[in-house]
Every structure is written in C-alpha cells, then in structure tokens.
Amino acid sequence: MKFHDPLIMMNTPDFLKRPNPITQKYYILTRDMDESGAKDLTPNAEEMETINSILNLPDFSTLSVEQKALLWHYRYSLTSNKRALVKFLQCVDWTKEKEEQEGITMLRKWAEIDIE
C-alpha cells in the first residue's frame, strides 16, 4: 500500500527535480534535422491539447526545451493562430543563422494575417 506524503516530495534531491539533459539535447538536435515535410504536418488531438496549454501560458513565461521543440515542429500549422506568434518567437534559436532565417520567414507569414 502506498501513501502520498507531500513532505517526502519536498525533500526530493535536487538532481531528481532538474530536467533530463539527455532529452534536452535530443530535442535540440532534432530541430536541426531537415524538415522538408514540415509544411504538411498537423498535430493530432493530444498534441493540439498540449499546444493549447502552452499557448495559454502567460507571454512572459519561459518555455521548456520540450515545449519549444513541439511549437517548432508544428510551426507551419500554427501560422493561422494569432496567439501562437509570441510563443513561436520564443522558441526560435536566434543564434543559429538557419533558424533565424526561418523565424523571419515565418514572421512574414504571421504578418499576412490581421494582428491587433
């Protein structure tokens, strides 16, 4: 029989609370892969629910590596969503020239819709 004890959870070692560096590196490396078919990708219902929860976060909140990777993966399908622009700009790695060019190109697509 297991009991939930919040005091035990508060005393969890710091290394268990930190994000896994291996998964973070995986998400960073997969962003650099050639995504020639990315324009046709659409998220399924579960991924769309996750994306909507990310979009509902305040604009000043920082996104995790996993959240950034998910938004980057479905960036083309998010261009019709006005709320996704700020989050998309947060997920672009502006230090990489290829991603910077992609971000500017995608920003122009968002500029085509009526932004208030």
PDB file of N, CA and C in Angstrom:
ATOM      1  N   MET A   1       0.834  -1.170   0.000  1.00  0.00           N
ATOM      2  CA  MET A   1       0.000   0.000   0.000  1.00  0.00           C
ATOM      3  C   MET A   1       0.883   1.238   0.000  1.00  0.00           C
ATOM      4  N   LYS A   2       0.540   2.224  -0.832  1.00  0.00           N
ATOM      5  CA  LYS A   2       1.336   3.442  -0.922  1.00  0.00           C
ATOM      6  C   LYS A   2       0.533   4.627  -0.403  1.00  0.00           C
ATOM      7  N   PHE A   3       1.228   5.521   0.271  1.00  0.00           N
ATOM      8  CA  PHE A   3       0.609   6.729   0.794  1.00  0.00           C
ATOM      9  C   PHE A   3       1.309   7.931   0.190  1.00  0.00           C
ATOM     10  N   HIS A   4       0.526   8.922  -0.128  1.00  0.00           N
ATOM     11  CA  HIS A   4       1.095  10.159  -0.658  1.00  0.00           C
ATOM     12  C   HIS A   4       1.492  11.049   0.507  1.00  0.00           C
ATOM     13  N   ASP A   5       2.759  11.395   0.577  1.00  0.00           N
ATOM     14  CA  ASP A   5       3.260  12.252   1.636  1.00  0.00           C
ATOM     15  C   ASP A   5       3.961  13.446   1.001  1.00  0.00           C
ATOM     16  N   PRO A   6       3.355  14.643   1.067  1.00  0.00           N
ATOM     17  CA  PRO A   6       3.982  15.813   0.445  1.00  0.00           C
ATOM     18  C   PRO A   6       5.312  16.201   1.074  1.00  0.00           C
ATOM     19  N   LEU A   7       5.519  15.851   2.327  1.00  0.00           N
ATOM     20  CA  LEU A   7       6.798  16.177   2.969  1.00  0.00           C
ATOM     21  C   LEU A   7       7.946  15.402   2.334  1.00  0.00           C
ATOM     22  N   ILE A   8       7.689  14.172   1.951  1.00  0.00           N
ATOM     23  CA  ILE A   8       8.728  13.389   1.286  1.00  0.00           C
ATOM     24  C   ILE A   8       9.050  14.004  -0.069  1.00  0.00           C
ATOM     25  N   MET A   9       8.004  14.450  -0.782  1.00  0.00           N
ATOM     26  CA  MET A   9       8.219  15.058  -2.100  1.00  0.00           C
ATOM     27  C   MET A   9       8.991  16.366  -1.987  1.00  0.00           C
ATOM     28  N   MET A  10       8.808  17.082  -0.891  1.00  0.00           N
ATOM     29  CA  MET A  10       9.538  18.335  -0.708  1.00  0.00           C
ATOM     30  C   MET A  10      11.017  18.076  -0.463  1.00  0.00           C
ATOM     31  N   ASN A  11      11.339  16.919   0.084  1.00  0.00           N
ATOM     32  CA  ASN A  11      12.725  16.577   0.381  1.00  0.00           C
ATOM     33  C   ASN A  11      13.384  15.796  -0.751  1.00  0.00           C
ATOM     34  N   THR A  12      12.811  15.866  -1.926  1.00  0.00           N
ATOM     35  CA  THR A  12      13.380  15.172  -3.073  1.00  0.00           C
ATOM     36  C   THR A  12      14.722  15.812  -3.421  1.00  0.00           C
ATOM     37  N   PRO A  13      15.730  15.020  -3.697  1.00  0.00           N
ATOM     38  CA  PRO A  13      17.031  15.590  -4.062  1.00  0.00           C
ATOM     39  C   PRO A  13      16.928  16.459  -5.316  1.00  0.00           C
ATOM     40  N   ASP A  14      17.778  17.449  -5.383  1.00  0.00           N
ATOM     41  CA  ASP A  14      17.745  18.401  -6.496  1.00  0.00           C
ATOM     42  C   ASP A  14      17.954  17.741  -7.847  1.00  0.00           C
ATOM     43  N   PHE A  15      18.766  16.691  -7.915  1.00  0.00           N
ATOM     44  CA  PHE A  15      19.035  16.075  -9.206  1.00  0.00           C
ATOM     45  C   PHE A  15      17.787  15.399  -9.779  1.00  0.00           C
ATOM     46  N   LEU A  16      16.807  15.061  -8.948  1.00  0.00           N
ATOM     47  CA  LEU A  16      15.563  14.481  -9.461  1.00  0.00           C
ATOM     48  C   LEU A  16      14.582  15.554  -9.944  1.00  0.00           C
ATOM     49  N   LYS A  17      14.740  16.771  -9.484  1.00  0.00           N
ATOM     50  CA  LYS A  17      13.863  17.868  -9.882  1.00  0.00           C
ATOM     51  C   LYS A  17      14.302  18.500 -11.201  1.00  0.00           C
ATOM     52  N   ARG A  18      15.575  18.378 -11.534  1.00  0.00           N
ATOM     53  CA  ARG A  18      16.101  19.010 -12.747  1.00  0.00           C
ATOM     54  C   ARG A  18      15.667  18.252 -13.989  1.00  0.00           C
ATOM     55  N   PRO A  19      15.553  18.954 -15.124  1.00  0.00           N
ATOM     56  CA  PRO A  19      15.217  18.258 -16.370  1.00  0.00           C
ATOM     57  C   PRO A  19      16.362  17.363 -16.824  1.00  0.00           C
ATOM     58  N   ASN A  20      16.021  16.360 -17.566  1.00  0.00           N
ATOM     59  CA  ASN A  20      16.994  15.396 -18.044  1.00  0.00           C
ATOM     60  C   ASN A  20      17.821  16.016 -19.179  1.00  0.00           C
ATOM     61  N   PRO A  21      19.137  16.142 -19.045  1.00  0.00           N
ATOM     62  CA  PRO A  21      19.952  16.772 -20.096  1.00  0.00           C
ATOM     63  C   PRO A  21      19.986  15.954 -21.390  1.00  0.00           C
ATOM     64  N   ILE A  22      19.782  14.654 -21.297  1.00  0.00           N
ATOM     65  CA  ILE A  22      19.802  13.817 -22.498  1.00  0.00           C
ATOM     66  C   ILE A  22      18.588  14.124 -23.372  1.00  0.00           C
ATOM     67  N   THR A  23      17.408  14.236 -22.747  1.00  0.00           N
ATOM     68  CA  THR A  23      16.220  14.559 -23.546  1.00  0.00           C
ATOM     69  C   THR A  23      16.289  15.983 -24.082  1.00  0.00           C
ATOM     70  N   GLN A  24      16.864  16.886 -23.315  1.00  0.00           N
ATOM     71  CA  GLN A  24      17.021  18.260 -23.806  1.00  0.00           C
ATOM     72  C   GLN A  24      17.931  18.286 -25.034  1.00  0.00           C
ATOM     73  N   LYS A  25      19.019  17.557 -24.989  1.00  0.00           N
ATOM     74  CA  LYS A  25      19.939  17.504 -26.131  1.00  0.00           C
ATOM     75  C   LYS A  25      19.259  16.865 -27.335  1.00  0.00           C
ATOM     76  N   TYR A  26      18.436  15.846 -27.100  1.00  0.00           N
ATOM     77  CA  TYR A  26      17.699  15.199 -28.186  1.00  0.00           C
ATOM     78  C   TYR A  26      16.785  16.209 -28.887  1.00  0.00           C
ATOM     79  N   TYR A  27      16.037  16.992 -28.115  1.00  0.00           N
ATOM     80  CA  TYR A  27      15.135  17.963 -28.710  1.00  0.00           C
ATOM     81  C   TYR A  27      15.892  19.046 -29.468  1.00  0.00           C
ATOM     82  N   ILE A  28      17.054  19.425 -28.978  1.00  0.00           N
ATOM     83  CA  ILE A  28      17.863  20.435 -29.668  1.00  0.00           C
ATOM     84  C   ILE A  28      18.409  19.872 -30.976  1.00  0.00           C
ATOM     85  N   LEU A  29      18.896  18.630 -30.962  1.00  0.00           N
ATOM     86  CA  LEU A  29      19.456  18.030 -32.167  1.00  0.00           C
ATOM     87  C   LEU A  29      18.398  17.752 -33.228  1.00  0.00           C
ATOM     88  N   THR A  30      17.196  17.365 -32.818  1.00  0.00           N
ATOM     89  CA  THR A  30      16.163  17.061 -33.803  1.00  0.00           C
ATOM     90  C   THR A  30      15.632  18.313 -34.476  1.00  0.00           C
ATOM     91  N   ARG A  31      15.843  19.468 -33.893  1.00  0.00           N
ATOM     92  CA  ARG A  31      15.419  20.720 -34.540  1.00  0.00           C
ATOM     93  C   ARG A  31      16.278  21.016 -35.761  1.00  0.00           C
ATOM     94  N   ASP A  32      17.516  20.540 -35.756  1.00  0.00           N
ATOM     95  CA  ASP A  32      18.434  20.825 -36.853  1.00  0.00           C
ATOM     96  C   ASP A  32      18.256  19.886 -38.039  1.00  0.00           C
ATOM     97  N   MET A  33      17.428  18.872 -37.883  1.00  0.00           N
ATOM     98  CA  MET A  33      17.228  17.924 -38.972  1.00  0.00           C
ATOM     99  C   MET A  33      16.448  18.590 -40.105  1.00  0.00           C
ATOM    100  N   ASP A  34      16.635  18.077 -41.307  1.00  0.00           N
ATOM    101  CA  ASP A  34      15.910  18.594 -42.464  1.00  0.00           C
ATOM    102  C   ASP A  34      14.431  18.243 -42.323  1.00  0.00           C
ATOM    103  N   GLU A  35      13.587  19.259 -42.300  1.00  0.00           N
ATOM    104  CA  GLU A  35      12.157  19.051 -42.155  1.00  0.00           C
ATOM    105  C   GLU A  35      11.451  19.491 -43.426  1.00  0.00           C
ATOM    106  N   SER A  36      11.762  18.845 -44.523  1.00  0.00           N
ATOM    107  CA  SER A  36      11.161  19.228 -45.792  1.00  0.00           C
ATOM    108  C   SER A  36       9.659  18.947 -45.808  1.00  0.00           C
ATOM    109  N   GLY A  37       9.204  18.005 -45.025  1.00  0.00           N
ATOM    110  CA  GLY A  37       7.782  17.693 -44.968  1.00  0.00           C
ATOM    111  C   GLY A  37       7.062  18.400 -43.837  1.00  0.00           C
ATOM    112  N   ALA A  38       7.722  19.337 -43.177  1.00  0.00           N
ATOM    113  CA  ALA A  38       7.132  20.001 -42.017  1.00  0.00           C
ATOM    114  C   ALA A  38       5.938  20.870 -42.383  1.00  0.00           C
ATOM    115  N   LYS A  39       5.875  21.322 -43.621  1.00  0.00           N
ATOM    116  CA  LYS A  39       4.771  22.200 -44.021  1.00  0.00           C
ATOM    117  C   LYS A  39       3.441  21.464 -44.038  1.00  0.00           C
ATOM    118  N   ASP A  40       3.467  20.160 -44.185  1.00  0.00           N
ATOM    119  CA  ASP A  40       2.239  19.375 -44.257  1.00  0.00           C
ATOM    120  C   ASP A  40       1.836  18.773 -42.917  1.00  0.00           C
ATOM    121  N   LEU A  41       2.646  18.960 -41.881  1.00  0.00           N
ATOM    122  CA  LEU A  41       2.355  18.344 -40.588  1.00  0.00           C
ATOM    123  C   LEU A  41       1.229  19.074 -39.866  1.00  0.00           C
ATOM    124  N   THR A  42       0.337  18.304 -39.289  1.00  0.00           N
ATOM    125  CA  THR A  42      -0.700  18.856 -38.418  1.00  0.00           C
ATOM    126  C   THR A  42      -0.717  18.034 -37.133  1.00  0.00           C
ATOM    127  N   PRO A  43      -0.877  18.688 -36.002  1.00  0.00           N
ATOM    128  CA  PRO A  43      -0.863  17.956 -34.732  1.00  0.00           C
ATOM    129  C   PRO A  43      -2.138  17.143 -34.547  1.00  0.00           C
ATOM    130  N   ASN A  44      -1.999  16.008 -33.860  1.00  0.00           N
ATOM    131  CA  ASN A  44      -3.183  15.219 -33.519  1.00  0.00           C
ATOM    132  C   ASN A  44      -3.868  15.856 -32.313  1.00  0.00           C
ATOM    133  N   ALA A  45      -4.940  15.266 -31.834  1.00  0.00           N
ATOM    134  CA  ALA A  45      -5.741  15.871 -30.765  1.00  0.00           C
ATOM    135  C   ALA A  45      -4.940  16.030 -29.468  1.00  0.00           C
ATOM    136  N   GLU A  46      -4.137  15.026 -29.136  1.00  0.00           N
ATOM    137  CA  GLU A  46      -3.348  15.096 -27.900  1.00  0.00           C
ATOM    138  C   GLU A  46      -2.283  16.187 -27.992  1.00  0.00           C
ATOM    139  N   GLU A  47      -1.617  16.263 -29.130  1.00  0.00           N
ATOM    140  CA  GLU A  47      -0.595  17.299 -29.314  1.00  0.00           C
ATOM    141  C   GLU A  47      -1.232  18.686 -29.369  1.00  0.00           C
ATOM    142  N   MET A  48      -2.407  18.786 -29.964  1.00  0.00           N
ATOM    143  CA  MET A  48      -3.089  20.078 -30.029  1.00  0.00           C
ATOM    144  C   MET A  48      -3.499  20.543 -28.637  1.00  0.00           C
ATOM    145  N   GLU A  49      -3.875  19.615 -27.793  1.00  0.00           N
ATOM    146  CA  GLU A  49      -4.200  19.962 -26.408  1.00  0.00           C
ATOM    147  C   GLU A  49      -2.961  20.488 -25.683  1.00  0.00           C
ATOM    148  N   THR A  50      -1.826  19.853 -25.914  1.00  0.00           N
ATOM    149  CA  THR A  50      -0.574  20.310 -25.314  1.00  0.00           C
ATOM    150  C   THR A  50      -0.189  21.679 -25.856  1.00  0.00           C
ATOM    151  N   ILE A  51      -0.347  21.881 -27.155  1.00  0.00           N
ATOM    152  CA  ILE A  51      -0.025  23.172 -27.765  1.00  0.00           C
ATOM    153  C   ILE A  51      -0.928  24.262 -27.200  1.00  0.00           C
ATOM    154  N   ASN A  52      -2.209  23.975 -27.046  1.00  0.00           N
ATOM    155  CA  ASN A  52      -3.128  24.966 -26.484  1.00  0.00           C
ATOM    156  C   ASN A  52      -2.775  25.309 -25.045  1.00  0.00           C
ATOM    157  N   SER A  53      -2.322  24.321 -24.280  1.00  0.00           N
ATOM    158  CA  SER A  53      -1.904  24.618 -22.908  1.00  0.00           C
ATOM    159  C   SER A  53      -0.646  25.492 -22.902  1.00  0.00           C
ATOM    160  N   ILE A  54       0.230  25.300 -23.877  1.00  0.00           N
ATOM    161  CA  ILE A  54       1.419  26.157 -23.992  1.00  0.00           C
ATOM    162  C   ILE A  54       1.003  27.566 -24.382  1.00  0.00           C
ATOM    163  N   LEU A  55       0.076  27.683 -25.308  1.00  0.00           N
ATOM    164  CA  LEU A  55      -0.369  28.999 -25.765  1.00  0.00           C
ATOM    165  C   LEU A  55      -1.133  29.750 -24.686  1.00  0.00           C
ATOM    166  N   ASN A  56      -1.735  29.030 -23.746  1.00  0.00           N
ATOM    167  CA  ASN A  56      -2.466  29.679 -22.658  1.00  0.00           C
ATOM    168  C   ASN A  56      -1.551  30.178 -21.547  1.00  0.00           C
ATOM    169  N   LEU A  57      -0.284  29.810 -21.584  1.00  0.00           N
ATOM    170  CA  LEU A  57       0.664  30.315 -20.595  1.00  0.00           C
ATOM    171  C   LEU A  57       0.857  31.816 -20.802  1.00  0.00           C
ATOM    172  N   PRO A  58       1.213  32.546 -19.743  1.00  0.00           N
ATOM    173  CA  PRO A  58       1.488  33.983 -19.929  1.00  0.00           C
ATOM    174  C   PRO A  58       2.642  34.199 -20.903  1.00  0.00           C
ATOM    175  N   ASP A  59       2.613  35.317 -21.601  1.00  0.00           N
ATOM    176  CA  ASP A  59       3.627  35.597 -22.617  1.00  0.00           C
ATOM    177  C   ASP A  59       5.031  35.724 -22.042  1.00  0.00           C
ATOM    178  N   PHE A  60       5.155  36.106 -20.796  1.00  0.00           N
ATOM    179  CA  PHE A  60       6.467  36.301 -20.186  1.00  0.00           C
ATOM    180  C   PHE A  60       7.048  35.037 -19.578  1.00  0.00           C
ATOM    181  N   SER A  61       6.304  33.936 -19.605  1.00  0.00           N
ATOM    182  CA  SER A  61       6.823  32.692 -19.031  1.00  0.00           C
ATOM    183  C   SER A  61       7.844  32.066 -19.976  1.00  0.00           C
ATOM    184  N   THR A  62       8.811  31.392 -19.393  1.00  0.00           N
ATOM    185  CA  THR A  62       9.824  30.734 -20.205  1.00  0.00           C
ATOM    186  C   THR A  62       9.345  29.339 -20.569  1.00  0.00           C
ATOM    187  N   LEU A  63       9.663  28.928 -21.770  1.00  0.00           N
ATOM    188  CA  LEU A  63       9.242  27.625 -22.263  1.00  0.00           C
ATOM    189  C   LEU A  63      10.350  26.605 -22.051  1.00  0.00           C
ATOM    190  N   SER A  64       9.957  25.377 -21.785  1.00  0.00           N
ATOM    191  CA  SER A  64      10.939  24.307 -21.649  1.00  0.00           C
ATOM    192  C   SER A  64      11.430  23.896 -23.038  1.00  0.00           C
ATOM    193  N   VAL A  65      12.468  23.115 -23.069  1.00  0.00           N
ATOM    194  CA  VAL A  65      13.028  22.656 -24.333  1.00  0.00           C
ATOM    195  C   VAL A  65      12.013  21.807 -25.090  1.00  0.00           C
ATOM    196  N   GLU A  66      11.265  20.984 -24.364  1.00  0.00           N
ATOM    197  CA  GLU A  66      10.256  20.138 -24.994  1.00  0.00           C
ATOM    198  C   GLU A  66       9.134  20.971 -25.613  1.00  0.00           C
ATOM    199  N   GLN A  67       8.696  22.021 -24.896  1.00  0.00           N
ATOM    200  CA  GLN A  67       7.653  22.894 -25.405  1.00  0.00           C
ATOM    201  C   GLN A  67       8.113  23.642 -26.650  1.00  0.00           C
ATOM    202  N   LYS A  68       9.346  24.120 -26.614  1.00  0.00           N
ATOM    203  CA  LYS A  68       9.899  24.814 -27.778  1.00  0.00           C
ATOM    204  C   LYS A  68       9.990  23.885 -28.980  1.00  0.00           C
ATOM    205  N   ALA A  69      10.408  22.643 -28.745  1.00  0.00           N
ATOM    206  CA  ALA A  69      10.525  21.673 -29.837  1.00  0.00           C
ATOM    207  C   ALA A  69       9.164  21.355 -30.440  1.00  0.00           C
ATOM    208  N   LEU A  70       8.141  21.256 -29.608  1.00  0.00           N
ATOM    209  CA  LEU A  70       6.796  20.971 -30.111  1.00  0.00           C
ATOM    210  C   LEU A  70       6.266  22.127 -30.962  1.00  0.00           C
ATOM    211  N   LEU A  71       6.450  23.349 -30.486  1.00  0.00           N
ATOM    212  CA  LEU A  71       5.997  24.512 -31.262  1.00  0.00           C
ATOM    213  C   LEU A  71       6.791  24.652 -32.559  1.00  0.00           C
ATOM    214  N   TRP A  72       8.076  24.370 -32.498  1.00  0.00           N
ATOM    215  CA  TRP A  72       8.903  24.469 -33.700  1.00  0.00           C
ATOM    216  C   TRP A  72       8.494  23.408 -34.721  1.00  0.00           C
ATOM    217  N   HIS A  73       8.169  22.242 -34.254  1.00  0.00           N
ATOM    218  CA  HIS A  73       7.808  21.127 -35.138  1.00  0.00           C
ATOM    219  C   HIS A  73       6.528  21.432 -35.922  1.00  0.00           C
ATOM    220  N   TYR A  74       5.569  22.077 -35.275  1.00  0.00           N
ATOM    221  CA  TYR A  74       4.286  22.386 -35.911  1.00  0.00           C
ATOM    222  C   TYR A  74       4.148  23.870 -36.238  1.00  0.00           C
ATOM    223  N   ARG A  75       5.249  24.535 -36.533  1.00  0.00           N
ATOM    224  CA  ARG A  75       5.235  25.977 -36.772  1.00  0.00           C
ATOM    225  C   ARG A  75       4.394  26.374 -37.977  1.00  0.00           C
ATOM    226  N   TYR A  76       4.366  25.558 -39.011  1.00  0.00           N
ATOM    227  CA  TYR A  76       3.606  25.911 -40.205  1.00  0.00           C
ATOM    228  C   TYR A  76       2.104  25.836 -39.955  1.00  0.00           C
ATOM    229  N   SER A  77       1.668  24.888 -39.171  1.00  0.00           N
ATOM    230  CA  SER A  77       0.238  24.777 -38.902  1.00  0.00           C
ATOM    231  C   SER A  77      -0.222  25.820 -37.891  1.00  0.00           C
ATOM    232  N   LEU A  78       0.711  26.449 -37.181  1.00  0.00           N
ATOM    233  CA  LEU A  78       0.351  27.463 -36.191  1.00  0.00           C
ATOM    234  C   LEU A  78       0.266  28.877 -36.767  1.00  0.00           C
ATOM    235  N   THR A  79       0.609  29.050 -38.030  1.00  0.00           N
ATOM    236  CA  THR A  79       0.612  30.402 -38.597  1.00  0.00           C
ATOM    237  C   THR A  79      -0.773  31.022 -38.664  1.00  0.00           C
ATOM    238  N   SER A  80      -1.807  30.222 -38.635  1.00  0.00           N
ATOM    239  CA  SER A  80      -3.159  30.775 -38.664  1.00  0.00           C
ATOM    240  C   SER A  80      -3.644  31.178 -37.270  1.00  0.00           C
ATOM    241  N   ASN A  81      -2.899  30.843 -36.233  1.00  0.00           N
ATOM    242  CA  ASN A  81      -3.275  31.148 -34.857  1.00  0.00           C
ATOM    243  C   ASN A  81      -2.548  32.404 -34.397  1.00  0.00           C
ATOM    244  N   LYS A  82      -3.286  33.462 -34.106  1.00  0.00           N
ATOM    245  CA  LYS A  82      -2.673  34.721 -33.686  1.00  0.00           C
ATOM    246  C   LYS A  82      -1.943  34.600 -32.345  1.00  0.00           C
ATOM    247  N   ARG A  83      -2.498  33.766 -31.457  1.00  0.00           N
ATOM    248  CA  ARG A  83      -1.894  33.620 -30.123  1.00  0.00           C
ATOM    249  C   ARG A  83      -0.542  32.924 -30.161  1.00  0.00           C
ATOM    250  N   ALA A  84      -0.265  32.200 -31.225  1.00  0.00           N
ATOM    251  CA  ALA A  84       0.964  31.407 -31.294  1.00  0.00           C
ATOM    252  C   ALA A  84       2.189  32.225 -31.669  1.00  0.00           C
ATOM    253  N   LEU A  85       2.008  33.441 -32.131  1.00  0.00           N
ATOM    254  CA  LEU A  85       3.144  34.236 -32.611  1.00  0.00           C
ATOM    255  C   LEU A  85       4.178  34.489 -31.520  1.00  0.00           C
ATOM    256  N   VAL A  86       3.737  34.947 -30.360  1.00  0.00           N
ATOM    257  CA  VAL A  86       4.678  35.266 -29.282  1.00  0.00           C
ATOM    258  C   VAL A  86       5.427  34.014 -28.827  1.00  0.00           C
ATOM    259  N   LYS A  87       4.707  32.923 -28.702  1.00  0.00           N
ATOM    260  CA  LYS A  87       5.355  31.672 -28.282  1.00  0.00           C
ATOM    261  C   LYS A  87       6.317  31.169 -29.346  1.00  0.00           C
ATOM    262  N   PHE A  88       5.949  31.339 -30.614  1.00  0.00           N
ATOM    263  CA  PHE A  88       6.858  30.923 -31.686  1.00  0.00           C
ATOM    264  C   PHE A  88       8.150  31.731 -31.632  1.00  0.00           C
ATOM    265  N   LEU A  89       8.044  33.024 -31.427  1.00  0.00           N
ATOM    266  CA  LEU A  89       9.246  33.861 -31.363  1.00  0.00           C
ATOM    267  C   LEU A  89      10.136  33.466 -30.197  1.00  0.00           C
ATOM    268  N   GLN A  90       9.549  32.952 -29.137  1.00  0.00           N
ATOM    269  CA  GLN A  90      10.345  32.477 -28.003  1.00  0.00           C
ATOM    270  C   GLN A  90      11.046  31.167 -28.314  1.00  0.00           C
ATOM    271  N   CYS A  91      10.480  30.364 -29.204  1.00  0.00           N
ATOM    272  CA  CYS A  91      11.078  29.047 -29.459  1.00  0.00           C
ATOM    273  C   CYS A  91      12.140  29.091 -30.552  1.00  0.00           C
ATOM    274  N   VAL A  92      12.290  30.214 -31.253  1.00  0.00           N
ATOM    275  CA  VAL A  92      13.329  30.322 -32.281  1.00  0.00           C
ATOM    276  C   VAL A  92      14.679  30.542 -31.605  1.00  0.00           C
ATOM    277  N   ASP A  93      15.676  29.799 -32.027  1.00  0.00           N
ATOM    278  CA  ASP A  93      17.045  29.990 -31.535  1.00  0.00           C
ATOM    279  C   ASP A  93      17.700  31.024 -32.441  1.00  0.00           C
ATOM    280  N   TRP A  94      17.737  32.261 -31.985  1.00  0.00           N
ATOM    281  CA  TRP A  94      18.200  33.372 -32.821  1.00  0.00           C
ATOM    282  C   TRP A  94      19.715  33.367 -33.003  1.00  0.00           C
ATOM    283  N   THR A  95      20.438  32.482 -32.328  1.00  0.00           N
ATOM    284  CA  THR A  95      21.889  32.427 -32.501  1.00  0.00           C
ATOM    285  C   THR A  95      22.284  31.579 -33.704  1.00  0.00           C
ATOM    286  N   LYS A  96      21.363  30.747 -34.202  1.00  0.00           N
ATOM    287  CA  LYS A  96      21.641  29.916 -35.370  1.00  0.00           C
ATOM    288  C   LYS A  96      21.086  30.607 -36.609  1.00  0.00           C
ATOM    289  N   GLU A  97      21.948  30.761 -37.607  1.00  0.00           N
ATOM    290  CA  GLU A  97      21.572  31.514 -38.800  1.00  0.00           C
ATOM    291  C   GLU A  97      20.402  30.873 -39.544  1.00  0.00           C
ATOM    292  N   LYS A  98      20.392  29.550 -39.645  1.00  0.00           N
ATOM    293  CA  LYS A  98      19.323  28.863 -40.359  1.00  0.00           C
ATOM    294  C   LYS A  98      17.973  29.068 -39.671  1.00  0.00           C
ATOM    295  N   GLU A  99      17.968  28.951 -38.346  1.00  0.00           N
ATOM    296  CA  GLU A  99      16.725  29.155 -37.602  1.00  0.00           C
ATOM    297  C   GLU A  99      16.302  30.613 -37.619  1.00  0.00           C
ATOM    298  N   GLU A 100      17.270  31.512 -37.616  1.00  0.00           N
ATOM    299  CA  GLU A 100      16.946  32.935 -37.677  1.00  0.00           C
ATOM    300  C   GLU A 100      16.238  33.268 -38.989  1.00  0.00           C
ATOM    301  N   GLN A 101      16.752  32.755 -40.099  1.00  0.00           N
ATOM    302  CA  GLN A 101      16.121  32.985 -41.396  1.00  0.00           C
ATOM    303  C   GLN A 101      14.726  32.368 -41.445  1.00  0.00           C
ATOM    304  N   GLU A 102      14.592  31.171 -40.884  1.00  0.00           N
ATOM    305  CA  GLU A 102      13.289  30.513 -40.836  1.00  0.00           C
ATOM    306  C   GLU A 102      12.316  31.317 -39.979  1.00  0.00           C
ATOM    307  N   GLY A 103      12.793  31.849 -38.866  1.00  0.00           N
ATOM    308  CA  GLY A 103      11.953  32.657 -37.989  1.00  0.00           C
ATOM    309  C   GLY A 103      11.478  33.927 -38.667  1.00  0.00           C
ATOM    310  N   ILE A 104      12.353  34.577 -39.411  1.00  0.00           N
ATOM    311  CA  ILE A 104      11.969  35.796 -40.134  1.00  0.00           C
ATOM    312  C   ILE A 104      10.964  35.474 -41.234  1.00  0.00           C
ATOM    313  N   THR A 105      11.182  34.371 -41.929  1.00  0.00           N
ATOM    314  CA  THR A 105      10.238  33.950 -42.966  1.00  0.00           C
ATOM    315  C   THR A 105       8.874  33.654 -42.364  1.00  0.00           C
ATOM    316  N   MET A 106       8.860  32.946 -41.242  1.00  0.00           N
ATOM    317  CA  MET A 106       7.596  32.625 -40.587  1.00  0.00           C
ATOM    318  C   MET A 106       6.925  33.874 -40.026  1.00  0.00           C
ATOM    319  N   LEU A 107       7.710  34.831 -39.569  1.00  0.00           N
ATOM    320  CA  LEU A 107       7.154  36.084 -39.057  1.00  0.00           C
ATOM    321  C   LEU A 107       6.418  36.834 -40.159  1.00  0.00           C
ATOM    322  N   ARG A 108       6.931  36.761 -41.361  1.00  0.00           N
ATOM    323  CA  ARG A 108       6.246  37.398 -42.501  1.00  0.00           C
ATOM    324  C   ARG A 108       4.900  36.726 -42.776  1.00  0.00           C
ATOM    325  N   LYS A 109       4.834  35.410 -42.568  1.00  0.00           N
ATOM    326  CA  LYS A 109       3.552  34.708 -42.764  1.00  0.00           C
ATOM    327  C   LYS A 109       2.533  35.145 -41.719  1.00  0.00           C
ATOM    328  N   TRP A 110       2.986  35.361 -40.490  1.00  0.00           N
ATOM    329  CA  TRP A 110       2.088  35.848 -39.467  1.00  0.00           C
ATOM    330  C   TRP A 110       1.685  37.297 -39.750  1.00  0.00           C
ATOM    331  N   ALA A 111       2.555  38.074 -40.386  1.00  0.00           N
ATOM    332  CA  ALA A 111       2.241  39.460 -40.703  1.00  0.00           C
ATOM    333  C   ALA A 111       1.139  39.545 -41.755  1.00  0.00           C
ATOM    334  N   GLU A 112       0.927  38.476 -42.515  1.00  0.00           N
ATOM    335  CA  GLU A 112      -0.128  38.484 -43.520  1.00  0.00           C
ATOM    336  C   GLU A 112      -1.510  38.455 -42.890  1.00  0.00           C
ATOM    337  N   ILE A 113      -1.626  37.903 -41.687  1.00  0.00           N
ATOM    338  CA  ILE A 113      -2.921  37.916 -41.011  1.00  0.00           C
ATOM    339  C   ILE A 113      -3.063  39.228 -40.239  1.00  0.00           C
ATOM    340  N   ASP A 114      -4.261  39.568 -39.884  1.00  0.00           N
ATOM    341  CA  ASP A 114      -4.540  40.820 -39.195  1.00  0.00           C
ATOM    342  C   ASP A 114      -4.155  40.694 -37.728  1.00  0.00           C
ATOM    343  N   ILE A 115      -3.061  41.336 -37.354  1.00  0.00           N
ATOM    344  CA  ILE A 115      -2.593  41.295 -35.977  1.00  0.00           C
ATOM    345  C   ILE A 115      -3.055  42.578 -35.287  1.00  0.00           C
ATOM    346  N   GLU A 116      -3.714  42.425 -34.174  1.00  0.00           N
ATOM    347  CA  GLU A 116      -4.258  43.581 -33.451  1.00  0.00           C
ATOM    348  C   GLU A 116      -3.184  44.260 -32.624  1.00  0.00           C
TER     349      GLU A 116
END
